[in-house]
Amino acid sequence: MNRIVLLLPFFISSLCLAQDMETPSNPEPSEIKSPKKSKAKLDFALEGMVGFSMWQDFYAFNVGGPSLKLRITEDLSIGVGALPSFYVYEGRTGARLGVSPRVDYKQWVFITPFLHMDSRDEWVFSVGLGYKFNH
């Protein structure tokens, strides 16, 4: 019996609240506004890039890895990315994962890869140009 006495005020108050609520009227078709189309602020895409970079006694063939970019205009963006690279350094060849700031303009990419050489414990950099696919 105590439960019924406790639940009765809750039930009555919910009925009163339900009667106070108005149901929305259906708008006329002429009153319905179409949503505005906006440009996407963030997009994800797969793109490929191949490039060649060089500096003093250092030459590298680079391929585009994952990158983060900020689009300035439709044709121009800046960012930073990982660059898997095959290199020739002081007559020795090897493969390393480098990191590079990048400037993309249309299909072209200006890169400055930095690669760490473990045997000498030094960073080597180069400057290069790449071509971007799937623009």
Protein backbone atom coordinates (compact mmCIF):
# COMPACT_ATOMS: atom_id res chain seq x y z
CA MET A 1 0.00 0.00 0.00
CA ASN A 2 2.87 2.34 0.78
CA ARG A 3 4.21 1.86 -2.74
CA ILE A 4 0.91 2.92 -4.29
CA VAL A 5 0.79 6.04 -2.12
CA LEU A 6 4.34 6.93 -3.15
CA LEU A 7 3.78 6.30 -6.88
CA LEU A 8 0.40 8.08 -7.08
CA PRO A 9 1.82 11.68 -7.01
CA PHE A 10 4.40 10.74 -9.66
CA PHE A 11 1.68 9.30 -11.91
CA ILE A 12 -0.60 12.35 -11.49
CA SER A 13 2.23 14.82 -12.18
CA SER A 14 3.26 12.99 -15.34
CA LEU A 15 -0.34 13.11 -16.63
CA CYS A 16 -0.50 16.86 -15.99
CA LEU A 17 2.81 17.40 -17.78
CA ALA A 18 1.67 15.33 -20.76
CA GLN A 19 -1.49 17.45 -21.14
CA ASP A 20 0.48 20.72 -21.05
CA MET A 21 2.74 19.76 -23.94
CA GLU A 22 1.70 21.02 -27.36
CA THR A 23 2.08 18.91 -30.44
CA PRO A 24 3.95 20.65 -33.25
CA SER A 25 1.89 21.51 -36.30
CA ASN A 26 2.93 20.19 -39.69
CA PRO A 27 4.50 23.02 -41.69
CA GLU A 28 3.38 23.78 -45.20
CA PRO A 29 5.79 22.67 -47.95
CA SER A 30 6.51 26.33 -48.78
CA GLU A 31 7.58 26.96 -45.17
CA ILE A 32 10.18 24.19 -45.13
CA LYS A 33 13.66 25.61 -45.63
CA SER A 34 16.26 23.51 -47.37
CA PRO A 35 19.49 23.04 -45.40
CA LYS A 36 22.43 25.15 -46.53
CA LYS A 37 25.28 23.25 -48.08
CA SER A 38 28.64 23.89 -46.45
CA LYS A 39 32.13 22.81 -47.43
CA ALA A 40 33.72 20.10 -45.39
CA LYS A 41 36.23 21.40 -42.86
CA LEU A 42 37.93 18.02 -42.48
CA ASP A 43 38.43 15.34 -45.07
CA PHE A 44 40.24 12.04 -45.23
CA ALA A 45 41.73 10.76 -48.45
CA LEU A 46 44.29 8.36 -49.80
CA GLU A 47 46.88 9.81 -52.08
CA GLY A 48 50.18 8.64 -53.42
CA MET A 49 53.38 10.65 -53.81
CA VAL A 50 56.81 9.87 -55.23
CA GLY A 51 59.71 12.25 -54.92
CA PHE A 52 63.42 12.70 -55.19
CA SER A 53 65.52 14.70 -52.75
CA MET A 54 69.22 15.43 -52.39
CA TRP A 55 71.81 17.36 -50.44
CA GLN A 56 75.59 17.16 -49.93
CA ASP A 57 76.55 13.56 -50.84
CA PHE A 58 73.00 12.38 -50.00
CA TYR A 59 70.37 11.25 -52.53
CA ALA A 60 66.99 9.76 -51.73
CA PHE A 61 63.96 8.33 -53.51
CA ASN A 62 60.91 9.04 -51.35
CA VAL A 63 57.35 7.76 -51.37
CA GLY A 64 54.49 9.46 -49.57
CA GLY A 65 53.47 8.01 -46.24
CA PRO A 66 50.81 9.19 -43.82
CA SER A 67 50.62 12.95 -43.40
CA LEU A 68 48.67 15.71 -41.69
CA LYS A 69 47.90 18.71 -43.85
CA LEU A 70 46.21 22.05 -43.49
CA ARG A 71 44.47 23.15 -46.66
CA ILE A 72 45.02 26.87 -47.26
CA THR A 73 43.28 27.10 -50.64
CA GLU A 74 41.92 24.57 -53.11
CA ASP A 75 45.41 24.17 -54.64
CA LEU A 76 47.73 24.90 -51.70
CA SER A 77 48.27 23.00 -48.46
CA ILE A 78 51.03 22.66 -45.87
CA GLY A 79 51.77 19.82 -43.50
CA VAL A 80 54.10 17.22 -42.11
CA GLY A 81 54.35 13.56 -42.98
CA ALA A 82 56.30 10.33 -42.82
CA LEU A 83 58.39 9.46 -45.87
CA PRO A 84 59.67 5.94 -46.42
CA SER A 85 62.92 6.51 -48.33
CA PHE A 86 65.60 4.59 -50.22
CA TYR A 87 68.85 6.54 -49.99
CA VAL A 88 72.47 6.70 -51.03
CA TYR A 89 74.66 8.38 -48.40
CA GLU A 90 78.44 8.56 -48.76
CA GLY A 91 78.38 5.65 -51.20
CA ARG A 92 76.23 3.39 -49.00
CA THR A 93 72.62 2.48 -49.71
CA GLY A 94 69.81 1.85 -47.28
CA ALA A 95 66.18 2.40 -46.40
CA ARG A 96 64.83 4.62 -43.67
CA LEU A 97 61.58 6.17 -42.53
CA GLY A 98 62.01 9.93 -42.56
CA VAL A 99 59.85 12.80 -41.46
CA SER A 100 59.29 15.85 -43.60
CA PRO A 101 57.53 19.17 -43.64
CA ARG A 102 55.75 19.52 -46.97
CA VAL A 103 54.12 22.17 -49.12
CA ASP A 104 51.62 20.87 -51.69
CA TYR A 105 50.70 22.95 -54.72
CA LYS A 106 48.31 21.24 -57.13
CA GLN A 107 50.10 18.01 -58.16
CA TRP A 108 53.56 19.06 -56.91
CA VAL A 109 54.99 18.58 -53.43
CA PHE A 110 58.02 20.42 -52.03
CA ILE A 111 59.65 18.23 -49.34
CA THR A 112 62.58 18.48 -46.93
CA PRO A 113 63.00 14.96 -45.49
CA PHE A 114 64.95 14.37 -42.28
CA LEU A 115 66.36 10.85 -41.74
CA HIS A 116 68.22 9.53 -38.71
CA MET A 117 71.42 7.58 -39.37
CA ASP A 118 71.80 5.13 -36.48
CA SER A 119 75.42 4.17 -37.17
CA ARG A 120 76.59 7.78 -36.84
CA ASP A 121 73.82 8.99 -34.51
CA GLU A 122 73.13 11.99 -36.70
CA TRP A 123 70.24 13.49 -38.64
CA VAL A 124 70.61 14.01 -42.37
CA PHE A 125 68.29 16.24 -44.36
CA SER A 126 67.69 16.87 -48.01
CA VAL A 127 65.52 19.04 -50.20
CA GLY A 128 63.38 17.69 -52.99
CA LEU A 129 60.33 17.69 -55.17
CA GLY A 130 57.58 15.11 -55.51
CA TYR A 131 54.61 14.39 -57.74
CA LYS A 132 51.25 13.64 -56.15
CA PHE A 133 48.72 11.11 -57.50
CA ASN A 134 44.95 11.04 -56.78
CA HIS A 135 44.69 14.80 -56.37
